[in-house]
Protein backbone atom coordinates (compact mmCIF):
# COMPACT_ATOMS: atom_id res chain seq x y z
CA MET A 1 87.87 -257.27 -99.85
CA LYS A 2 85.47 -254.60 -99.49
CA PHE A 3 86.70 -251.73 -101.87
CA THR A 4 85.78 -248.19 -100.91
CA PRO A 5 85.05 -245.37 -103.30
CA GLU A 6 88.69 -244.12 -102.14
CA HIS A 7 90.11 -247.18 -103.45
CA GLU A 8 88.21 -247.21 -106.79
CA ALA A 9 89.59 -243.46 -106.93
CA LEU A 10 93.03 -244.85 -106.83
CA ARG A 11 92.47 -247.19 -109.55
CA GLN A 12 91.14 -244.31 -111.78
CA THR A 13 94.30 -242.37 -111.04
CA TRP A 14 96.54 -245.15 -111.93
CA LYS A 15 94.42 -246.08 -115.12
CA THR A 16 94.67 -242.40 -115.81
CA LEU A 17 98.40 -242.36 -115.69
CA ILE A 18 99.05 -245.39 -117.51
CA ASP A 19 97.03 -244.60 -120.30
CA ARG A 20 98.65 -241.09 -120.75
CA GLU A 21 102.33 -241.44 -119.47
CA ILE A 22 103.08 -244.99 -119.84
CA ASN A 23 101.42 -247.34 -122.46
CA PRO A 24 102.22 -245.04 -125.40
CA TYR A 25 105.84 -245.29 -124.53
CA VAL A 26 106.49 -248.83 -123.53
CA ASP A 27 107.62 -250.27 -126.67
CA GLN A 28 110.25 -247.58 -127.12
CA TRP A 29 111.74 -248.07 -123.76
CA GLU A 30 111.75 -251.84 -124.35
CA LYS A 31 113.70 -251.23 -127.37
CA ASP A 32 116.10 -248.65 -125.34
CA GLY A 33 116.32 -251.33 -122.59
CA GLN A 34 115.58 -248.66 -119.80
CA PHE A 35 112.76 -246.24 -119.11
CA PRO A 36 113.15 -242.77 -117.63
CA ALA A 37 112.82 -243.65 -114.17
CA HIS A 38 113.29 -240.33 -112.42
CA ALA A 39 110.84 -238.56 -115.02
CA LEU A 40 108.28 -241.25 -114.35
CA PHE A 41 108.39 -241.73 -110.85
CA LYS A 42 108.22 -237.91 -110.43
CA LYS A 43 104.79 -238.19 -112.15
CA MET A 44 103.68 -240.65 -109.99
CA GLY A 45 105.01 -239.04 -106.90
CA ASP A 46 103.01 -235.88 -107.85
CA ALA A 47 99.84 -237.86 -108.32
CA GLY A 48 100.32 -239.01 -104.96
CA LEU A 49 101.07 -242.80 -105.99
CA LEU A 50 104.24 -243.81 -104.69
CA GLY A 51 103.45 -243.54 -100.84
CA VAL A 52 99.66 -244.47 -100.19
CA ASP A 53 100.55 -246.75 -97.42
CA LYS A 54 103.58 -244.49 -95.93
CA PRO A 55 103.36 -242.07 -92.90
CA VAL A 56 101.74 -238.63 -93.59
CA GLU A 57 104.61 -236.76 -92.07
CA PHE A 58 107.00 -238.03 -94.77
CA GLY A 59 104.61 -237.34 -97.56
CA GLY A 60 102.72 -240.50 -97.79
CA SER A 61 98.94 -240.78 -97.81
CA GLY A 62 99.00 -242.94 -94.35
CA LEU A 63 96.49 -245.33 -95.72
CA ASP A 64 96.52 -249.05 -95.06
CA PHE A 65 98.29 -251.93 -97.24
CA SER A 66 95.07 -252.48 -99.11
CA TYR A 67 95.91 -249.41 -101.21
CA ALA A 68 99.19 -250.67 -101.83
CA MET A 69 97.50 -253.87 -103.34
CA ILE A 70 95.30 -251.52 -105.52
CA CYS A 71 98.70 -250.09 -106.74
CA ALA A 72 100.19 -253.39 -107.64
CA GLU A 73 96.91 -254.67 -109.25
CA SER A 74 96.41 -251.65 -111.22
CA LEU A 75 100.05 -251.64 -112.70
CA GLY A 76 98.97 -255.14 -114.38
CA TRP A 77 97.21 -252.58 -117.12
CA VAL A 78 100.86 -251.61 -118.45
CA ASN A 79 101.60 -253.44 -121.53
CA GLY A 80 104.60 -255.10 -120.05
CA GLY A 81 106.14 -256.27 -116.97
CA SER A 82 109.14 -253.91 -116.55
CA ILE A 83 107.54 -250.83 -115.42
CA PRO A 84 105.29 -252.64 -112.57
CA MET A 85 108.12 -254.35 -111.34
CA ALA A 86 110.39 -251.22 -111.27
CA THR A 87 107.58 -249.56 -109.22
CA GLY A 88 106.89 -252.34 -107.14
CA VAL A 89 110.64 -251.82 -105.98
CA GLN A 90 109.96 -248.25 -104.95
CA ILE A 91 106.72 -248.67 -103.40
CA SER A 92 106.78 -252.28 -101.78
CA MET A 93 110.30 -253.65 -101.79
CA ALA A 94 112.97 -251.01 -100.98
CA THR A 95 111.15 -248.58 -98.69
CA PRO A 96 108.67 -250.57 -96.26
CA ALA A 97 111.50 -251.33 -93.48
CA LEU A 98 112.79 -247.58 -94.05
CA ALA A 99 109.11 -246.41 -93.45
CA ARG A 100 108.79 -248.63 -90.84
CA TYR A 101 111.64 -248.65 -88.54
CA GLY A 102 114.15 -245.75 -89.89
CA SER A 103 114.98 -242.94 -87.67
CA ASP A 104 112.78 -239.57 -88.45
CA GLU A 105 116.07 -238.15 -89.71
CA LEU A 106 116.63 -241.06 -92.16
CA ARG A 107 113.29 -240.94 -93.26
CA LYS A 108 113.34 -237.20 -94.10
CA GLU A 109 116.43 -237.79 -95.86
CA PHE A 110 115.39 -240.58 -98.05
CA LEU A 111 111.79 -241.77 -97.82
CA THR A 112 110.41 -238.26 -98.49
CA PRO A 113 112.03 -237.87 -101.82
CA SER A 114 111.41 -241.41 -102.81
CA ILE A 115 107.53 -240.90 -102.08
CA SER A 116 107.73 -237.68 -104.05
CA GLY A 117 109.39 -239.30 -107.02
CA ASP A 118 112.57 -237.08 -106.56
CA TYR A 119 114.56 -240.35 -105.71
CA VAL A 120 114.71 -243.70 -107.29
CA ALA A 121 115.23 -246.67 -104.88
CA CYS A 122 116.68 -249.92 -105.24
CA LEU A 123 117.12 -253.05 -103.13
CA GLY A 124 120.37 -254.71 -102.58
CA VAL A 125 120.02 -258.06 -101.27
CA SER A 126 120.49 -260.85 -103.74
CA GLU A 127 124.16 -262.01 -104.66
CA THR A 128 125.67 -264.18 -107.30
CA GLY A 129 125.85 -267.00 -104.96
CA ALA A 130 122.97 -266.00 -102.88
CA GLY A 131 119.34 -265.57 -104.36
CA SER A 132 116.66 -267.03 -102.48
CA ASP A 133 118.95 -268.34 -99.61
CA VAL A 134 119.19 -264.70 -98.12
CA ALA A 135 120.94 -266.06 -95.02
CA SER A 136 124.14 -266.80 -97.14
CA ILE A 137 124.95 -263.48 -98.44
CA LYS A 138 128.47 -262.53 -98.46
CA THR A 139 128.61 -258.44 -98.43
CA THR A 140 129.85 -257.25 -95.01
CA ALA A 141 129.76 -253.96 -93.33
CA ARG A 142 132.35 -253.32 -90.61
CA ARG A 143 132.30 -250.45 -88.04
CA VAL A 144 134.96 -247.87 -88.26
CA GLY A 145 134.37 -245.13 -85.89
CA GLY A 146 131.20 -243.71 -86.81
CA ASP A 147 130.91 -245.34 -90.22
CA TRP A 148 129.99 -248.86 -91.74
CA VAL A 149 132.70 -249.70 -94.53
CA ILE A 150 131.00 -251.93 -96.90
CA ASN A 151 132.51 -254.61 -99.11
CA GLY A 152 131.12 -257.15 -101.35
CA GLY A 153 128.35 -257.14 -104.26
CA LYS A 154 124.93 -257.35 -105.18
CA MET A 155 123.24 -259.07 -108.60
CA TRP A 156 120.04 -258.69 -109.93
CA THR A 157 119.44 -254.89 -108.78
CA THR A 158 116.16 -253.40 -110.11
CA ASN A 159 116.50 -249.90 -111.01
CA GLY A 160 120.14 -250.05 -110.17
CA ALA A 161 121.63 -248.15 -112.91
CA GLN A 162 119.51 -245.02 -112.27
CA ALA A 163 118.78 -245.46 -108.44
CA ASP A 164 119.93 -242.66 -105.96
CA TRP A 165 120.18 -244.94 -102.88
CA MET A 166 119.77 -248.50 -102.18
CA CYS A 167 118.24 -250.55 -99.18
CA LEU A 168 121.46 -252.68 -98.73
CA LEU A 169 121.19 -255.95 -96.67
CA ALA A 170 124.74 -256.89 -95.25
CA SER A 171 126.49 -258.74 -92.60
CA THR A 172 127.57 -256.60 -89.63
CA ASP A 173 129.15 -259.03 -87.20
CA ASP A 174 130.02 -262.49 -86.85
CA GLY A 175 127.13 -263.76 -85.16
CA PRO A 176 124.31 -266.37 -86.18
CA ALA A 177 123.52 -265.94 -89.85
CA HIS A 178 119.79 -264.87 -88.97
CA LYS A 179 121.01 -262.30 -86.36
CA ASN A 180 124.08 -260.80 -87.78
CA LYS A 181 122.61 -258.63 -90.56
CA SER A 182 121.57 -255.02 -90.77
CA LEU A 183 119.69 -252.79 -93.50
CA ILE A 184 121.51 -249.83 -94.37
CA VAL A 185 120.61 -246.96 -96.56
CA VAL A 186 123.62 -246.43 -99.06
CA PRO A 187 123.53 -243.59 -101.66
CA MET A 188 124.56 -244.80 -104.76
CA LYS A 189 127.02 -241.93 -105.83
CA THR A 190 129.21 -242.89 -103.01
CA LYS A 191 132.85 -243.40 -103.49
CA GLY A 192 133.89 -247.16 -104.05
CA ILE A 193 130.28 -248.09 -105.77
CA GLU A 194 131.01 -249.47 -109.16
CA ILE A 195 128.01 -250.51 -111.38
CA VAL A 196 129.67 -253.27 -113.44
CA LYS A 197 127.24 -253.97 -115.89
CA LYS A 198 123.58 -253.84 -116.87
CA LEU A 199 122.31 -257.17 -117.18
CA ASP A 200 121.03 -258.53 -120.73
CA LYS A 201 117.68 -260.19 -119.68
CA LEU A 202 115.04 -262.38 -121.32
CA GLY A 203 112.31 -260.19 -120.43
CA MET A 204 111.47 -257.11 -118.39
CA ARG A 205 113.60 -255.42 -121.24
CA ALA A 206 112.79 -251.87 -120.12
CA SER A 207 113.99 -252.29 -116.50
CA ASP A 208 117.54 -251.55 -115.94
CA THR A 209 118.91 -254.65 -113.84
CA VAL A 210 122.62 -254.28 -112.73
CA GLN A 211 125.31 -255.91 -110.90
CA THR A 212 126.91 -253.69 -108.13
CA PHE A 213 130.39 -254.02 -106.38
CA PHE A 214 131.43 -252.24 -103.35
CA ASP A 215 134.94 -251.56 -102.50
CA GLU A 216 135.61 -249.99 -99.01
CA VAL A 217 132.45 -247.85 -99.20
CA LYS A 218 131.73 -245.69 -96.18
CA VAL A 219 128.37 -244.49 -95.03
CA PRO A 220 127.25 -243.10 -91.61
CA VAL A 221 126.30 -245.86 -89.03
CA ARG A 222 123.12 -243.37 -88.46
CA TYR A 223 122.06 -244.83 -92.01
CA THR A 224 121.20 -248.04 -90.46
CA ILE A 225 117.44 -248.92 -90.70
CA GLY A 226 116.23 -249.76 -87.05
CA GLN A 227 118.31 -251.65 -84.95
CA PRO A 228 121.85 -253.48 -86.03
CA GLY A 229 121.41 -257.14 -86.60
CA MET A 230 117.64 -256.96 -87.42
CA GLY A 231 118.44 -256.71 -90.79
CA PHE A 232 117.32 -260.23 -91.68
CA THR A 233 114.22 -260.15 -89.62
CA TYR A 234 113.35 -256.84 -91.21
CA GLN A 235 113.90 -258.15 -94.83
CA MET A 236 111.69 -261.08 -94.08
CA GLN A 237 108.86 -258.86 -93.00
CA GLN A 238 109.58 -256.78 -96.23
CA PHE A 239 109.23 -259.93 -98.30
CA GLN A 240 105.87 -260.72 -97.37
CA GLU A 241 104.72 -257.36 -98.76
CA GLU A 242 106.63 -258.05 -101.99
CA ARG A 243 104.93 -261.63 -102.38
CA LEU A 244 101.54 -260.10 -101.64
CA TRP A 245 102.51 -257.37 -104.21
CA ALA A 246 103.44 -260.22 -106.84
CA GLY A 247 100.27 -262.09 -106.53
CA ALA A 248 98.25 -258.72 -106.80
CA GLY A 249 100.16 -257.60 -109.70
CA SER A 250 99.61 -260.60 -111.62
CA LEU A 251 95.75 -260.29 -111.62
CA ASN A 252 95.17 -257.79 -114.21
CA THR A 253 98.46 -258.68 -116.15
CA CYS A 254 96.64 -262.19 -116.67
CA GLU A 255 93.55 -260.73 -117.58
CA ARG A 256 94.92 -258.44 -120.16
CA ILE A 257 96.67 -261.28 -121.88
CA ILE A 258 93.29 -263.40 -121.75
CA ASN A 259 91.30 -260.44 -122.80
CA ALA A 260 93.85 -259.83 -125.81
CA THR A 261 93.47 -263.15 -126.99
CA ILE A 262 89.67 -263.18 -126.96
CA GLU A 263 89.78 -260.11 -129.09
CA TYR A 264 92.22 -261.62 -131.52
CA THR A 265 90.79 -265.06 -131.90
CA ARG A 266 87.23 -263.46 -132.36
CA GLU A 267 88.46 -261.46 -135.48
CA ARG A 268 90.98 -264.06 -136.83
CA LYS A 269 89.27 -266.23 -139.25
CA VAL A 270 90.47 -269.91 -139.98
CA PHE A 271 88.51 -272.17 -142.55
CA GLY A 272 85.73 -269.49 -142.54
CA ARG A 273 85.08 -268.99 -138.97
CA PRO A 274 86.34 -267.30 -135.77
CA LEU A 275 88.98 -269.14 -134.17
CA LEU A 276 87.39 -268.14 -130.83
CA ASP A 277 84.22 -270.69 -132.08
CA ASN A 278 86.63 -273.60 -131.63
CA GLN A 279 85.59 -275.22 -128.05
CA VAL A 280 89.24 -276.03 -127.37
CA ILE A 281 90.02 -272.55 -127.30
CA HIS A 282 86.96 -270.87 -125.50
CA PHE A 283 86.95 -273.78 -123.07
CA ARG A 284 90.70 -272.94 -122.25
CA LEU A 285 90.35 -269.38 -121.79
CA ALA A 286 87.30 -270.12 -119.63
CA GLU A 287 89.66 -272.18 -117.38
CA LEU A 288 92.51 -269.56 -117.45
CA LYS A 289 89.88 -266.84 -116.35
CA SER A 290 88.83 -269.33 -113.53
CA GLU A 291 92.20 -269.74 -112.14
CA VAL A 292 92.75 -265.88 -112.04
CA GLU A 293 89.74 -265.63 -110.07
CA ALA A 294 91.30 -268.34 -107.63
CA LEU A 295 94.53 -266.43 -107.24
CA ARG A 296 92.47 -263.22 -106.74
CA SER A 297 90.83 -264.89 -103.59
CA ILE A 298 94.28 -265.97 -102.19
CA VAL A 299 95.58 -262.50 -102.73
CA TYR A 300 92.73 -260.79 -101.09
CA ARG A 301 92.23 -263.27 -98.25
CA ALA A 302 95.89 -262.84 -97.26
CA CYS A 303 95.82 -258.91 -97.53
CA GLU A 304 92.59 -259.16 -95.07
CA ASP A 305 94.68 -261.23 -92.70
CA TYR A 306 97.60 -259.04 -93.05
CA LEU A 307 95.57 -255.84 -92.28
CA ALA A 308 93.94 -258.02 -89.32
CA GLY A 309 97.83 -258.39 -87.83
CA LYS A 310 97.92 -262.10 -88.83
CA ASP A 311 101.02 -264.10 -89.98
CA VAL A 312 100.18 -264.29 -93.52
CA THR A 313 103.45 -266.15 -94.46
CA MET A 314 101.75 -269.44 -95.91
CA LEU A 315 99.04 -267.54 -97.93
CA ALA A 316 101.65 -265.21 -99.32
CA SER A 317 103.86 -268.05 -100.30
CA MET A 318 101.00 -269.67 -101.72
CA GLY A 319 99.91 -266.47 -103.66
CA LYS A 320 103.30 -265.83 -104.82
CA LEU A 321 103.86 -269.57 -106.15
CA LYS A 322 100.34 -269.36 -107.71
CA ALA A 323 101.07 -266.16 -109.26
CA GLY A 324 104.44 -266.97 -110.90
CA ARG A 325 102.91 -270.43 -112.44
CA LEU A 326 99.55 -268.77 -113.65
CA ARG A 327 101.47 -266.11 -115.57
CA ARG A 328 103.48 -268.69 -117.30
CA GLU A 329 100.48 -270.84 -117.75
CA VAL A 330 98.34 -267.73 -119.42
CA SER A 331 101.17 -266.56 -121.66
CA ASP A 332 102.01 -269.86 -122.92
CA ALA A 333 98.37 -271.14 -123.57
CA CYS A 334 97.37 -267.65 -125.17
CA LEU A 335 100.51 -267.30 -127.36
CA GLN A 336 99.76 -270.71 -128.87
CA TYR A 337 96.36 -269.24 -130.17
CA TRP A 338 98.10 -266.55 -131.79
CA GLY A 339 99.74 -268.68 -134.10
CA GLY A 340 102.72 -267.23 -135.97
CA ALA A 341 101.93 -263.76 -134.85
CA GLY A 342 102.48 -264.80 -131.17
CA TYR A 343 106.03 -265.62 -132.05
CA LEU A 344 107.02 -262.28 -133.28
CA TRP A 345 109.01 -260.35 -130.65
CA ASP A 346 106.80 -257.17 -130.43
CA ASN A 347 103.46 -259.16 -129.83
CA PRO A 348 102.10 -258.31 -126.63
CA VAL A 349 101.38 -261.80 -125.52
CA ALA A 350 105.22 -262.68 -126.57
CA ARG A 351 106.26 -260.09 -124.24
CA GLY A 352 104.02 -261.30 -121.39
CA TYR A 353 105.62 -264.90 -122.01
CA ARG A 354 109.10 -263.37 -121.68
CA ASP A 355 108.25 -261.01 -118.78
CA GLY A 356 106.46 -263.62 -116.85
CA ARG A 357 108.99 -266.19 -116.56
CA LEU A 358 110.46 -264.16 -113.91
CA GLY A 359 107.64 -264.69 -111.78
CA SER A 360 108.75 -268.10 -110.66
CA ILE A 361 112.29 -267.12 -110.17
CA GLY A 362 112.55 -263.69 -108.56
CA GLY A 363 111.46 -262.81 -104.92
CA GLY A 364 111.86 -266.20 -103.99
CA ALA A 365 112.00 -269.16 -106.24
CA ASP A 366 108.85 -271.67 -106.67
CA GLU A 367 111.03 -274.25 -104.91
CA VAL A 368 111.39 -272.01 -101.92
CA MET A 369 107.85 -270.84 -101.65
CA LEU A 370 106.99 -274.64 -101.81
CA GLN A 371 109.70 -275.20 -98.85
CA ILE A 372 107.92 -272.75 -96.83
CA ILE A 373 104.43 -273.96 -97.41
CA SER A 374 105.87 -277.54 -96.64
CA LYS A 375 107.38 -276.45 -93.35
CA LEU A 376 104.09 -274.71 -92.05
CA MET A 377 102.33 -277.81 -93.06
CA GLY A 378 104.74 -279.66 -90.92
CA THR A 379 105.67 -281.95 -93.92
CA LEU A 380 109.42 -280.66 -94.56
CA PRO A 381 111.87 -283.27 -93.59
CA ARG A 382 114.40 -282.52 -90.91
CA LEU A 383 117.91 -281.93 -91.89
CA GLY A 384 119.06 -284.89 -89.63
CA ASN A 385 116.37 -287.38 -91.39
CA ARG A 386 117.36 -286.81 -94.97
């Protein structure tokens, strides 16, 4: 990747905002179990950070996807995973399909305020019985006159407790599973929507994640994103950006944990000398730093190919797989070198340990990434031969 002064200026804008508006408050938001999404996203929107790769006519900057990657990477400076995850939903998970395929009317109504930070968005794909297996979702939307009538439920909805609208994937006819789904904009204050509970998670404590039920929820058919029946295809394309975001977002996160561990072990004396002087520690940190740079190579190459219009399914899946596993490896290894201090709840590496575990589950589990990679390698067994 060849970064321009414009890329570097974007990095600096993020760094300034994170230092002033996020990191001083993260510990309290973690204790509260929620961050003020509207207030924080408005500050991001005012700084032009929520729509860098979105159309200019709807408030975006009209830049290419490499600038979204700078956003993902920069958010790794946040002292925790909650805010980066929630912001990633706003920028690269709930809005790309709307920006790409939504009608002008729909984009003006929902994309523009999401870019400005006036609206908080969430993504409704996963269900209690359908996480990585998106084709098996049970939520339905039947057409009644000029409305969709939605029934079902969604699970693991990031930003759900504060969201103004949801990008919902629902089955809209009885056709084949990959061709019968549509993406629909659903305002979250619509009658029939019930936020059942905010989920009590292992990590990402400052991010509100909810379970949602839909009981005869009516929204206009004009709220359909793009063509009815194309929702699965749109969502799969959206997943590629989400997985590239996950890879880029892990780079500074892992580096931040490694650097904090270097600083701690350099100052911590054991048997009269710094912990860092032990070869087992500085060699291990060197290995971890090398792994971060290997991940960077995958992510940057995938981004370049994506900008060139190439299919990046394999590279994006590899990056997502590597990122999830590396975050676990880095936080686990580094926590060990903090000793008892690393086992304390408020320790930054302990938070990274908890938050990072989601990377191998959310957005497609490791096993799904391996299945995709195996299929593209031609090594996945045919169903009839199993």
